[in-house]
Amino acid sequence: MKAAAILPLIFVSSVALASERSTVSFSLDNDGIFGTDEDYTNGIFLSYTSSAITPWALFKPLSLSYWGSSSLDKFEFQLGHKMWTPSDIEATVPLANDRPYAGYFHGELNYISLHPQQAQRFNLTLGSTGEGSFADKAQQLVHSIVGSADPKGWEYQIEDQVAGSIGYLTHLNWKREPLFGNTGWEVSNVTEANLGNFRSDVSTGMMFRFGSELGGNFGSANISTENPFKAGMIGASNKGWFTYFGLKARYRFNDLTIQGERPGIPEPSDAYDVTLQPWQGEAVLGVTWYNAYVGISAFAGSKSAEYKEASKSIYGNGGLSLFAFF
């Protein structure tokens, strides 16, 4: 009788702890799914998220539990690499009225706090643009492997510079209702602010999700064309799936990938400068599935032009994220 009573408790405990385990993820963004090779053209991200933590005194104000909600808190560390290119990567001379070559290799430290009605993330990002980002070598290597055109303009890229930012992101649940089986739907607000010499901006938007365990994976999907899914923000959930669609508006104050100096440009270099478009928009459509051990997420996104001289009004890309819990 005692054994029969204990076994269910062991099973329940293991299930409860599974949602609090560490997470590793690998994510890839690329615009190749739309047959293009320009603007934000590629991103690679590797992240580790801790198991549930009890926040140190210094970090307690960053936790939702400090303000009265019972939250699941974690740390995340991410290494990321992004690159941007002009519309014609085979051009051997700089192009006027086109996006500069730019790369960004960075590390990111996130403090995550999760609750079924609100999820938030504080982040510190620090990295390098220019040759220190290794974007030129990375693109040349990949293109030589896949047989794509050889990029010929990286000597005109945004200069070497230490670049970083601090940021805050919050998801607020507006409405969540059950449907058939264990599925439901949800509408939420997503608001973000960033401040730094890499980028400074404020944005807000609305996300619709349909699927299972929506309270347990709330906040894991973001409205962005750059690495929108964060597996480490899955909270009290051992298995689930959902689709999501989001729209947001953003006002960007500065962007080093557009406004940075380009020392390789011949004088007068002003003729090649482009102007930041401060008002921007993004849309994302994605799907996610996971169990207690592994998961996968995919998305397709679009965004408005980020500089005023752009020849297109809309740019698109997609991505894939693979992740595991341990």
C-alpha atoms as a PDB file:
ATOM      1  CA  MET A   1       0.000   0.000   0.000  1.00  0.00           C
ATOM      2  CA  LYS A   2       2.810   2.413   0.868  1.00  0.00           C
ATOM      3  CA  ALA A   3       4.600   1.711  -2.404  1.00  0.00           C
ATOM      4  CA  ALA A   4       1.381   2.221  -4.331  1.00  0.00           C
ATOM      5  CA  ALA A   5       0.919   5.576  -2.624  1.00  0.00           C
ATOM      6  CA  ILE A   6       4.513   6.727  -3.126  1.00  0.00           C
ATOM      7  CA  LEU A   7       4.871   5.899  -6.833  1.00  0.00           C
ATOM      8  CA  PRO A   8       2.276   8.442  -8.012  1.00  0.00           C
ATOM      9  CA  LEU A   9       3.979  11.100  -5.879  1.00  0.00           C
ATOM     10  CA  ILE A  10       7.336  10.331  -7.475  1.00  0.00           C
ATOM     11  CA  PHE A  11       5.786  10.584 -10.931  1.00  0.00           C
ATOM     12  CA  VAL A  12       4.084  13.899 -10.135  1.00  0.00           C
ATOM     13  CA  SER A  13       7.298  15.320  -8.674  1.00  0.00           C
ATOM     14  CA  SER A  14       9.331  14.388 -11.762  1.00  0.00           C
ATOM     15  CA  VAL A  15       6.759  16.012 -14.018  1.00  0.00           C
ATOM     16  CA  ALA A  16       6.753  19.187 -11.930  1.00  0.00           C
ATOM     17  CA  LEU A  17      10.532  19.405 -11.978  1.00  0.00           C
ATOM     18  CA  ALA A  18      10.814  18.768 -15.731  1.00  0.00           C
ATOM     19  CA  SER A  19       9.445  22.219 -16.545  1.00  0.00           C
ATOM     20  CA  GLU A  20      12.165  23.799 -14.383  1.00  0.00           C
ATOM     21  CA  ARG A  21      15.150  22.082 -16.021  1.00  0.00           C
ATOM     22  CA  SER A  22      17.902  23.817 -17.964  1.00  0.00           C
ATOM     23  CA  THR A  23      17.429  24.527 -21.667  1.00  0.00           C
ATOM     24  CA  VAL A  24      19.844  24.659 -24.597  1.00  0.00           C
ATOM     25  CA  SER A  25      18.828  25.922 -28.014  1.00  0.00           C
ATOM     26  CA  PHE A  26      20.246  26.509 -31.478  1.00  0.00           C
ATOM     27  CA  SER A  27      18.467  28.968 -33.764  1.00  0.00           C
ATOM     28  CA  LEU A  28      19.018  30.042 -37.355  1.00  0.00           C
ATOM     29  CA  ASP A  29      17.502  32.969 -39.278  1.00  0.00           C
ATOM     30  CA  ASN A  30      17.881  33.375 -43.041  1.00  0.00           C
ATOM     31  CA  ASP A  31      16.176  35.206 -45.876  1.00  0.00           C
ATOM     32  CA  GLY A  32      16.894  32.418 -48.367  1.00  0.00           C
ATOM     33  CA  ILE A  33      13.365  31.019 -47.982  1.00  0.00           C
ATOM     34  CA  PHE A  34      12.189  34.078 -49.926  1.00  0.00           C
ATOM     35  CA  GLY A  35      14.952  33.751 -52.524  1.00  0.00           C
ATOM     36  CA  THR A  36      16.734  36.922 -51.406  1.00  0.00           C
ATOM     37  CA  ASP A  37      20.152  37.761 -50.007  1.00  0.00           C
ATOM     38  CA  GLU A  38      19.953  41.308 -48.668  1.00  0.00           C
ATOM     39  CA  ASP A  39      19.204  43.467 -45.624  1.00  0.00           C
ATOM     40  CA  TYR A  40      19.015  41.221 -42.508  1.00  0.00           C
ATOM     41  CA  THR A  41      20.221  38.126 -44.304  1.00  0.00           C
ATOM     42  CA  ASN A  42      21.402  35.710 -41.599  1.00  0.00           C
ATOM     43  CA  GLY A  43      21.481  35.132 -37.853  1.00  0.00           C
ATOM     44  CA  ILE A  44      22.839  32.258 -35.732  1.00  0.00           C
ATOM     45  CA  PHE A  45      22.160  31.921 -32.002  1.00  0.00           C
ATOM     46  CA  LEU A  46      23.252  29.466 -29.321  1.00  0.00           C
ATOM     47  CA  SER A  47      21.770  29.826 -25.854  1.00  0.00           C
ATOM     48  CA  TYR A  48      21.758  28.214 -22.429  1.00  0.00           C
ATOM     49  CA  THR A  49      18.976  28.893 -19.904  1.00  0.00           C
ATOM     50  CA  SER A  50      19.334  27.833 -16.293  1.00  0.00           C
ATOM     51  CA  SER A  51      16.881  25.763 -14.321  1.00  0.00           C
ATOM     52  CA  ALA A  52      14.587  27.614 -11.921  1.00  0.00           C
ATOM     53  CA  ILE A  53      16.479  29.920  -9.555  1.00  0.00           C
ATOM     54  CA  THR A  54      15.835  31.770  -6.336  1.00  0.00           C
ATOM     55  CA  PRO A  55      16.899  35.332  -7.185  1.00  0.00           C
ATOM     56  CA  TRP A  56      19.792  36.881  -5.297  1.00  0.00           C
ATOM     57  CA  ALA A  57      19.006  40.062  -3.389  1.00  0.00           C
ATOM     58  CA  LEU A  58      20.496  42.175  -6.185  1.00  0.00           C
ATOM     59  CA  PHE A  59      18.113  40.706  -8.768  1.00  0.00           C
ATOM     60  CA  LYS A  60      14.945  40.447  -6.677  1.00  0.00           C
ATOM     61  CA  PRO A  61      13.428  43.683  -8.100  1.00  0.00           C
ATOM     62  CA  LEU A  62      13.678  42.076 -11.569  1.00  0.00           C
ATOM     63  CA  SER A  63      11.440  39.191 -10.490  1.00  0.00           C
ATOM     64  CA  LEU A  64       7.664  39.250 -10.780  1.00  0.00           C
ATOM     65  CA  SER A  65       7.565  37.537  -7.375  1.00  0.00           C
ATOM     66  CA  TYR A  66       9.057  40.691  -5.829  1.00  0.00           C
ATOM     67  CA  TRP A  67       5.938  42.579  -6.907  1.00  0.00           C
ATOM     68  CA  GLY A  68       3.435  40.065  -5.575  1.00  0.00           C
ATOM     69  CA  SER A  69       3.171  37.352  -8.256  1.00  0.00           C
ATOM     70  CA  SER A  70       4.462  33.813  -7.846  1.00  0.00           C
ATOM     71  CA  SER A  71       6.980  33.516 -10.681  1.00  0.00           C
ATOM     72  CA  LEU A  72       9.433  31.059 -12.205  1.00  0.00           C
ATOM     73  CA  ASP A  73      12.783  32.834 -12.663  1.00  0.00           C
ATOM     74  CA  LYS A  74      15.781  31.880 -14.803  1.00  0.00           C
ATOM     75  CA  PHE A  75      19.043  33.213 -16.223  1.00  0.00           C
ATOM     76  CA  GLU A  76      19.856  32.913 -19.923  1.00  0.00           C
ATOM     77  CA  PHE A  77      23.175  33.402 -21.706  1.00  0.00           C
ATOM     78  CA  GLN A  78      23.203  33.639 -25.479  1.00  0.00           C
ATOM     79  CA  LEU A  79      25.879  33.981 -28.144  1.00  0.00           C
ATOM     80  CA  GLY A  80      24.617  35.477 -31.378  1.00  0.00           C
ATOM     81  CA  HIS A  81      25.831  36.489 -34.809  1.00  0.00           C
ATOM     82  CA  LYS A  82      23.885  38.672 -37.251  1.00  0.00           C
ATOM     83  CA  MET A  83      24.686  40.108 -40.656  1.00  0.00           C
ATOM     84  CA  TRP A  84      23.205  42.667 -43.032  1.00  0.00           C
ATOM     85  CA  THR A  85      24.112  43.209 -46.682  1.00  0.00           C
ATOM     86  CA  PRO A  86      23.122  45.487 -49.583  1.00  0.00           C
ATOM     87  CA  SER A  87      20.891  44.302 -52.417  1.00  0.00           C
ATOM     88  CA  ASP A  88      23.789  43.433 -54.756  1.00  0.00           C
ATOM     89  CA  ILE A  89      26.521  41.525 -52.933  1.00  0.00           C
ATOM     90  CA  GLU A  90      28.477  40.995 -56.177  1.00  0.00           C
ATOM     91  CA  ALA A  91      29.114  44.718 -56.625  1.00  0.00           C
ATOM     92  CA  THR A  92      32.813  45.545 -56.215  1.00  0.00           C
ATOM     93  CA  VAL A  93      32.184  49.219 -55.449  1.00  0.00           C
ATOM     94  CA  PRO A  94      30.052  50.752 -52.681  1.00  0.00           C
ATOM     95  CA  LEU A  95      26.420  51.336 -53.624  1.00  0.00           C
ATOM     96  CA  ALA A  96      24.635  54.611 -52.970  1.00  0.00           C
ATOM     97  CA  ASN A  97      21.157  54.513 -51.401  1.00  0.00           C
ATOM     98  CA  ASP A  98      21.631  50.914 -50.237  1.00  0.00           C
ATOM     99  CA  ARG A  99      22.068  49.202 -46.910  1.00  0.00           C
ATOM    100  CA  PRO A 100      25.669  48.982 -45.662  1.00  0.00           C
ATOM    101  CA  TYR A 101      27.426  45.699 -45.017  1.00  0.00           C
ATOM    102  CA  ALA A 102      27.299  45.101 -41.273  1.00  0.00           C
ATOM    103  CA  GLY A 103      27.936  42.286 -38.829  1.00  0.00           C
ATOM    104  CA  TYR A 104      27.323  41.933 -35.108  1.00  0.00           C
ATOM    105  CA  PHE A 105      28.869  39.249 -32.906  1.00  0.00           C
ATOM    106  CA  HIS A 106      27.531  39.509 -29.376  1.00  0.00           C
ATOM    107  CA  GLY A 107      26.810  37.952 -26.032  1.00  0.00           C
ATOM    108  CA  GLU A 108      23.548  38.488 -24.206  1.00  0.00           C
ATOM    109  CA  LEU A 109      22.670  37.983 -20.536  1.00  0.00           C
ATOM    110  CA  ASN A 110      18.945  37.751 -19.737  1.00  0.00           C
ATOM    111  CA  TYR A 111      17.022  37.661 -16.479  1.00  0.00           C
ATOM    112  CA  ILE A 112      13.708  35.902 -17.136  1.00  0.00           C
ATOM    113  CA  SER A 113      10.638  35.956 -14.887  1.00  0.00           C
ATOM    114  CA  LEU A 114       7.567  33.916 -15.865  1.00  0.00           C
ATOM    115  CA  HIS A 115       3.927  33.846 -14.776  1.00  0.00           C
ATOM    116  CA  PRO A 116       0.855  32.603 -16.715  1.00  0.00           C
ATOM    117  CA  GLN A 117      -0.456  36.185 -16.922  1.00  0.00           C
ATOM    118  CA  GLN A 118       2.836  38.030 -17.465  1.00  0.00           C
ATOM    119  CA  ALA A 119       6.327  37.205 -18.678  1.00  0.00           C
ATOM    120  CA  GLN A 120       9.265  39.574 -18.713  1.00  0.00           C
ATOM    121  CA  ARG A 121      12.922  39.680 -19.657  1.00  0.00           C
ATOM    122  CA  PHE A 122      15.689  42.110 -18.703  1.00  0.00           C
ATOM    123  CA  ASN A 123      18.769  41.897 -20.883  1.00  0.00           C
ATOM    124  CA  LEU A 124      22.315  43.174 -21.242  1.00  0.00           C
ATOM    125  CA  THR A 125      23.924  42.792 -24.678  1.00  0.00           C
ATOM    126  CA  LEU A 126      27.559  43.475 -25.575  1.00  0.00           C
ATOM    127  CA  GLY A 127      29.444  42.727 -28.766  1.00  0.00           C
ATOM    128  CA  SER A 128      31.357  44.025 -31.751  1.00  0.00           C
ATOM    129  CA  THR A 129      30.598  45.269 -35.242  1.00  0.00           C
ATOM    130  CA  GLY A 130      33.059  45.469 -38.118  1.00  0.00           C
ATOM    131  CA  GLU A 131      35.881  43.004 -38.701  1.00  0.00           C
ATOM    132  CA  GLY A 132      35.579  41.958 -35.059  1.00  0.00           C
ATOM    133  CA  SER A 133      32.198  40.429 -35.878  1.00  0.00           C
ATOM    134  CA  PHE A 134      33.790  38.033 -38.440  1.00  0.00           C
ATOM    135  CA  ALA A 135      30.689  38.494 -40.625  1.00  0.00           C
ATOM    136  CA  ASP A 136      32.726  38.832 -43.825  1.00  0.00           C
ATOM    137  CA  LYS A 137      34.542  35.543 -43.279  1.00  0.00           C
ATOM    138  CA  ALA A 138      31.354  33.786 -42.171  1.00  0.00           C
ATOM    139  CA  GLN A 139      29.382  34.775 -45.265  1.00  0.00           C
ATOM    140  CA  GLN A 140      32.235  33.972 -47.636  1.00  0.00           C
ATOM    141  CA  LEU A 141      32.627  30.520 -46.063  1.00  0.00           C
ATOM    142  CA  VAL A 142      28.919  29.678 -46.173  1.00  0.00           C
ATOM    143  CA  HIS A 143      28.497  30.917 -49.740  1.00  0.00           C
ATOM    144  CA  SER A 144      31.493  28.867 -50.890  1.00  0.00           C
ATOM    145  CA  ILE A 145      29.916  25.746 -49.355  1.00  0.00           C
ATOM    146  CA  VAL A 146      26.397  26.222 -50.759  1.00  0.00           C
ATOM    147  CA  GLY A 147      27.539  27.617 -54.108  1.00  0.00           C
ATOM    148  CA  SER A 148      25.997  31.078 -53.724  1.00  0.00           C
ATOM    149  CA  ALA A 149      27.443  34.267 -55.161  1.00  0.00           C
ATOM    150  CA  ASP A 150      30.688  35.430 -53.574  1.00  0.00           C
ATOM    151  CA  PRO A 151      30.154  38.693 -51.608  1.00  0.00           C
ATOM    152  CA  LYS A 152      32.598  41.335 -52.834  1.00  0.00           C
ATOM    153  CA  GLY A 153      31.893  44.426 -50.749  1.00  0.00           C
ATOM    154  CA  TRP A 154      32.753  43.619 -47.152  1.00  0.00           C
ATOM    155  CA  GLU A 155      35.685  46.061 -47.236  1.00  0.00           C
ATOM    156  CA  TYR A 156      33.010  48.788 -47.075  1.00  0.00           C
ATOM    157  CA  GLN A 157      31.316  47.443 -43.942  1.00  0.00           C
ATOM    158  CA  ILE A 158      30.403  49.340 -40.780  1.00  0.00           C
ATOM    159  CA  GLU A 159      33.586  49.914 -38.765  1.00  0.00           C
ATOM    160  CA  ASP A 160      34.901  47.991 -35.765  1.00  0.00           C
ATOM    161  CA  GLN A 161      33.143  49.215 -32.657  1.00  0.00           C
ATOM    162  CA  VAL A 162      32.219  47.843 -29.262  1.00  0.00           C
ATOM    163  CA  ALA A 163      28.425  47.978 -29.232  1.00  0.00           C
ATOM    164  CA  GLY A 164      25.788  47.062 -26.710  1.00  0.00           C
ATOM    165  CA  SER A 165      22.451  47.820 -25.130  1.00  0.00           C
ATOM    166  CA  ILE A 166      20.213  47.190 -22.160  1.00  0.00           C
ATOM    167  CA  GLY A 167      16.621  46.129 -22.729  1.00  0.00           C
ATOM    168  CA  TYR A 168      13.281  45.203 -21.222  1.00  0.00           C
ATOM    169  CA  LEU A 169      10.558  43.018 -22.758  1.00  0.00           C
ATOM    170  CA  THR A 170       7.159  42.207 -21.274  1.00  0.00           C
ATOM    171  CA  HIS A 171       4.208  40.058 -22.349  1.00  0.00           C
ATOM    172  CA  LEU A 172       0.819  40.855 -20.792  1.00  0.00           C
ATOM    173  CA  ASN A 173      -2.054  38.427 -21.231  1.00  0.00           C
ATOM    174  CA  TRP A 174      -5.233  40.211 -22.326  1.00  0.00           C
ATOM    175  CA  LYS A 175      -7.515  37.233 -22.885  1.00  0.00           C
ATOM    176  CA  ARG A 176      -7.152  33.452 -22.737  1.00  0.00           C
ATOM    177  CA  GLU A 177     -10.025  31.026 -23.307  1.00  0.00           C
ATOM    178  CA  PRO A 178     -10.259  27.211 -23.601  1.00  0.00           C
ATOM    179  CA  LEU A 179     -11.502  25.562 -26.788  1.00  0.00           C
ATOM    180  CA  PHE A 180     -11.827  21.836 -27.535  1.00  0.00           C
ATOM    181  CA  GLY A 181      -9.718  19.186 -25.798  1.00  0.00           C
ATOM    182  CA  ASN A 182      -6.757  20.784 -24.063  1.00  0.00           C
ATOM    183  CA  THR A 183      -6.443  23.609 -26.596  1.00  0.00           C
ATOM    184  CA  GLY A 184      -7.202  27.276 -26.212  1.00  0.00           C
ATOM    185  CA  TRP A 185      -6.627  30.706 -27.704  1.00  0.00           C
ATOM    186  CA  GLU A 186      -4.981  33.803 -26.340  1.00  0.00           C
ATOM    187  CA  VAL A 187      -4.468  37.478 -27.147  1.00  0.00           C
ATOM    188  CA  SER A 188      -1.603  39.367 -25.504  1.00  0.00           C
ATOM    189  CA  ASN A 189       0.342  42.599 -25.632  1.00  0.00           C
ATOM    190  CA  VAL A 190       4.104  42.565 -26.255  1.00  0.00           C
ATOM    191  CA  THR A 191       6.076  45.703 -25.367  1.00  0.00           C
ATOM    192  CA  GLU A 192       9.836  46.210 -25.571  1.00  0.00           C
ATOM    193  CA  ALA A 193      12.399  48.968 -24.988  1.00  0.00           C
ATOM    194  CA  ASN A 194      16.151  49.015 -25.720  1.00  0.00           C
ATOM    195  CA  LEU A 195      18.818  51.621 -25.009  1.00  0.00           C
ATOM    196  CA  GLY A 196      22.403  51.578 -26.263  1.00  0.00           C
ATOM    197  CA  ASN A 197      24.850  52.549 -28.977  1.00  0.00           C
ATOM    198  CA  PHE A 198      23.927  49.455 -30.997  1.00  0.00           C
ATOM    199  CA  ARG A 199      20.209  50.231 -31.137  1.00  0.00           C
ATOM    200  CA  SER A 200      17.717  52.241 -29.106  1.00  0.00           C
ATOM    201  CA  ASP A 201      13.984  51.783 -29.649  1.00  0.00           C
ATOM    202  CA  VAL A 202      10.535  51.316 -28.147  1.00  0.00           C
ATOM    203  CA  SER A 203       7.874  49.012 -29.598  1.00  0.00           C
ATOM    204  CA  THR A 204       4.489  47.546 -28.819  1.00  0.00           C
ATOM    205  CA  GLY A 205       2.208  45.078 -30.548  1.00  0.00           C
ATOM    206  CA  MET A 206      -0.389  42.353 -30.287  1.00  0.00           C
ATOM    207  CA  MET A 207       0.031  38.582 -30.516  1.00  0.00           C
ATOM    208  CA  PHE A 208      -2.584  35.889 -31.116  1.00  0.00           C
ATOM    209  CA  ARG A 209      -1.818  32.276 -30.169  1.00  0.00           C
ATOM    210  CA  PHE A 210      -3.713  29.014 -30.547  1.00  0.00           C
ATOM    211  CA  GLY A 211      -2.580  25.726 -29.027  1.00  0.00           C
ATOM    212  CA  SER A 212      -2.068  23.882 -25.755  1.00  0.00           C
ATOM    213  CA  GLU A 213      -0.456  24.788 -22.428  1.00  0.00           C
ATOM    214  CA  LEU A 214      -0.653  28.494 -23.283  1.00  0.00           C
ATOM    215  CA  GLY A 215      -0.205  29.561 -19.671  1.00  0.00           C
ATOM    216  CA  GLY A 216       2.884  27.383 -19.309  1.00  0.00           C
ATOM    217  CA  ASN A 217       4.648  28.605 -22.462  1.00  0.00           C
ATOM    218  CA  PHE A 218       3.484  32.232 -22.275  1.00  0.00           C
ATOM    219  CA  GLY A 219       6.184  34.679 -23.403  1.00  0.00           C
ATOM    220  CA  SER A 220       8.313  32.205 -25.359  1.00  0.00           C
ATOM    221  CA  ALA A 221       7.337  33.671 -28.754  1.00  0.00           C
ATOM    222  CA  ASN A 222       8.138  37.279 -29.605  1.00  0.00           C
ATOM    223  CA  ILE A 223       7.166  39.635 -32.432  1.00  0.00           C
ATOM    224  CA  SER A 224      10.460  39.940 -34.284  1.00  0.00           C
ATOM    225  CA  THR A 225      12.175  38.888 -37.491  1.00  0.00           C
ATOM    226  CA  GLU A 226      15.402  38.361 -35.522  1.00  0.00           C
ATOM    227  CA  ASN A 227      15.368  35.187 -33.393  1.00  0.00           C
ATOM    228  CA  PRO A 228      11.737  35.498 -32.237  1.00  0.00           C
ATOM    229  CA  PHE A 229      11.477  32.259 -30.242  1.00  0.00           C
ATOM    230  CA  LYS A 230      13.043  31.828 -26.788  1.00  0.00           C
ATOM    231  CA  ALA A 231      12.844  28.199 -25.630  1.00  0.00           C
ATOM    232  CA  GLY A 232      14.181  29.182 -22.213  1.00  0.00           C
ATOM    233  CA  MET A 233      10.992  31.165 -21.595  1.00  0.00           C
ATOM    234  CA  ILE A 234       8.880  28.013 -21.560  1.00  0.00           C
ATOM    235  CA  GLY A 235       7.807  27.787 -17.942  1.00  0.00           C
ATOM    236  CA  ALA A 236       5.570  25.337 -16.080  1.00  0.00           C
ATOM    237  CA  SER A 237       4.887  23.038 -19.018  1.00  0.00           C
ATOM    238  CA  ASN A 238       6.239  19.622 -20.002  1.00  0.00           C
ATOM    239  CA  LYS A 239       4.654  19.277 -23.413  1.00  0.00           C
ATOM    240  CA  GLY A 240       2.673  21.489 -25.716  1.00  0.00           C
ATOM    241  CA  TRP A 241       2.311  23.111 -29.084  1.00  0.00           C
ATOM    242  CA  PHE A 242       1.044  26.408 -30.417  1.00  0.00           C
ATOM    243  CA  THR A 243       0.851  28.598 -33.472  1.00  0.00           C
ATOM    244  CA  TYR A 244       1.305  32.339 -33.196  1.00  0.00           C
ATOM    245  CA  PHE A 245       0.826  35.507 -35.213  1.00  0.00           C
ATOM    246  CA  GLY A 246       1.984  38.934 -34.121  1.00  0.00           C
ATOM    247  CA  LEU A 247       2.113  42.516 -35.374  1.00  0.00           C
ATOM    248  CA  LYS A 248       3.990  45.419 -33.822  1.00  0.00           C
ATOM    249  CA  ALA A 249       4.987  49.028 -34.397  1.00  0.00           C
ATOM    250  CA  ARG A 250       8.375  50.414 -33.362  1.00  0.00           C
ATOM    251  CA  TYR A 251      10.101  53.764 -33.100  1.00  0.00           C
ATOM    252  CA  ARG A 252      13.878  53.417 -33.442  1.00  0.00           C
ATOM    253  CA  PHE A 253      16.139  56.249 -32.319  1.00  0.00           C
ATOM    254  CA  ASN A 254      19.490  54.922 -33.540  1.00  0.00           C
ATOM    255  CA  ASP A 255      20.864  51.893 -35.376  1.00  0.00           C
ATOM    256  CA  LEU A 256      24.604  51.307 -35.701  1.00  0.00           C
ATOM    257  CA  THR A 257      24.123  48.865 -38.604  1.00  0.00           C
ATOM    258  CA  ILE A 258      22.730  51.758 -40.662  1.00  0.00           C
ATOM    259  CA  GLN A 259      24.325  54.884 -39.191  1.00  0.00           C
ATOM    260  CA  GLY A 260      27.798  53.597 -38.334  1.00  0.00           C
ATOM    261  CA  GLU A 261      30.955  54.911 -39.962  1.00  0.00           C
ATOM    262  CA  ARG A 262      32.381  53.080 -42.985  1.00  0.00           C
ATOM    263  CA  PRO A 263      36.107  53.884 -43.218  1.00  0.00           C
ATOM    264  CA  GLY A 264      36.525  51.870 -46.423  1.00  0.00           C
ATOM    265  CA  ILE A 265      34.193  54.172 -48.368  1.00  0.00           C
ATOM    266  CA  PRO A 266      36.090  56.613 -50.646  1.00  0.00           C
ATOM    267  CA  GLU A 267      35.629  60.329 -50.061  1.00  0.00           C
ATOM    268  CA  PRO A 268      33.310  62.119 -50.289  1.00  0.00           C
ATOM    269  CA  SER A 269      31.643  59.349 -48.255  1.00  0.00           C
ATOM    270  CA  ASP A 270      28.478  61.363 -47.559  1.00  0.00           C
ATOM    271  CA  ALA A 271      27.165  60.312 -50.970  1.00  0.00           C
ATOM    272  CA  TYR A 272      26.801  56.746 -49.666  1.00  0.00           C
ATOM    273  CA  ASP A 273      25.097  57.534 -46.359  1.00  0.00           C
ATOM    274  CA  VAL A 274      21.561  56.255 -45.803  1.00  0.00           C
ATOM    275  CA  THR A 275      18.956  57.672 -43.440  1.00  0.00           C
ATOM    276  CA  LEU A 276      17.369  55.738 -40.607  1.00  0.00           C
ATOM    277  CA  GLN A 277      13.602  55.293 -40.955  1.00  0.00           C
ATOM    278  CA  PRO A 278      12.487  55.703 -37.327  1.00  0.00           C
ATOM    279  CA  TRP A 279       8.942  54.370 -37.744  1.00  0.00           C
ATOM    280  CA  GLN A 280       9.036  50.634 -38.428  1.00  0.00           C
ATOM    281  CA  GLY A 281       6.733  47.632 -38.360  1.00  0.00           C
ATOM    282  CA  GLU A 282       7.142  43.856 -38.075  1.00  0.00           C
ATOM    283  CA  ALA A 283       4.926  40.797 -38.467  1.00  0.00           C
ATOM    284  CA  VAL A 284       5.670  37.180 -37.596  1.00  0.00           C
ATOM    285  CA  LEU A 285       3.892  33.843 -38.068  1.00  0.00           C
ATOM    286  CA  GLY A 286       5.210  30.726 -36.351  1.00  0.00           C
ATOM    287  CA  VAL A 287       4.603  27.283 -34.910  1.00  0.00           C
ATOM    288  CA  THR A 288       6.175  25.502 -31.923  1.00  0.00           C
ATOM    289  CA  TRP A 289       6.079  21.929 -30.603  1.00  0.00           C
ATOM    290  CA  TYR A 290       7.869  20.389 -27.617  1.00  0.00           C
ATOM    291  CA  ASN A 291       7.753  17.538 -25.104  1.00  0.00           C
ATOM    292  CA  ALA A 292       9.607  17.043 -21.827  1.00  0.00           C
ATOM    293  CA  TYR A 293      12.925  16.511 -23.627  1.00  0.00           C
ATOM    294  CA  VAL A 294      13.136  18.277 -27.002  1.00  0.00           C
ATOM    295  CA  GLY A 295      11.299  20.762 -29.181  1.00  0.00           C
ATOM    296  CA  ILE A 296      11.263  22.623 -32.481  1.00  0.00           C
ATOM    297  CA  SER A 297       9.991  26.021 -33.576  1.00  0.00           C
ATOM    298  CA  ALA A 298       9.790  27.626 -37.032  1.00  0.00           C
ATOM    299  CA  PHE A 299       8.716  31.068 -38.228  1.00  0.00           C
ATOM    300  CA  ALA A 300       8.308  33.332 -41.230  1.00  0.00           C
ATOM    301  CA  GLY A 301       8.491  37.078 -40.743  1.00  0.00           C
ATOM    302  CA  SER A 302       8.290  40.364 -42.578  1.00  0.00           C
ATOM    303  CA  LYS A 303       9.296  43.908 -41.722  1.00  0.00           C
ATOM    304  CA  SER A 304       9.106  47.371 -43.186  1.00  0.00           C
ATOM    305  CA  ALA A 305      12.187  49.115 -44.562  1.00  0.00           C
ATOM    306  CA  GLU A 306      14.552  50.385 -41.856  1.00  0.00           C
ATOM    307  CA  TYR A 307      16.119  53.162 -43.937  1.00  0.00           C
ATOM    308  CA  LYS A 308      14.452  55.790 -46.090  1.00  0.00           C
ATOM    309  CA  GLU A 309      16.358  55.116 -49.310  1.00  0.00           C
ATOM    310  CA  ALA A 310      15.378  51.420 -49.438  1.00  0.00           C
ATOM    311  CA  SER A 311      14.209  50.160 -52.830  1.00  0.00           C
ATOM    312  CA  LYS A 312      11.636  47.863 -51.189  1.00  0.00           C
ATOM    313  CA  SER A 313       8.936  48.588 -48.650  1.00  0.00           C
ATOM    314  CA  ILE A 314       8.834  45.036 -47.228  1.00  0.00           C
ATOM    315  CA  TYR A 315      11.588  42.517 -46.432  1.00  0.00           C
ATOM    316  CA  GLY A 316      11.117  38.897 -45.355  1.00  0.00           C
ATOM    317  CA  ASN A 317      12.975  36.042 -43.719  1.00  0.00           C
ATOM    318  CA  GLY A 318      12.367  32.853 -41.779  1.00  0.00           C
ATOM    319  CA  GLY A 319      14.011  30.683 -39.195  1.00  0.00           C
ATOM    320  CA  LEU A 320      14.247  27.463 -37.245  1.00  0.00           C
ATOM    321  CA  SER A 321      14.989  26.761 -33.584  1.00  0.00           C
ATOM    322  CA  LEU A 322      15.929  23.387 -32.072  1.00  0.00           C
ATOM    323  CA  PHE A 323      16.022  22.993 -28.306  1.00  0.00           C
ATOM    324  CA  ALA A 324      16.368  20.451 -25.513  1.00  0.00           C
ATOM    325  CA  PHE A 325      15.678  20.288 -21.776  1.00  0.00           C
ATOM    326  CA  PHE A 326      18.025  18.535 -19.365  1.00  0.00           C
END
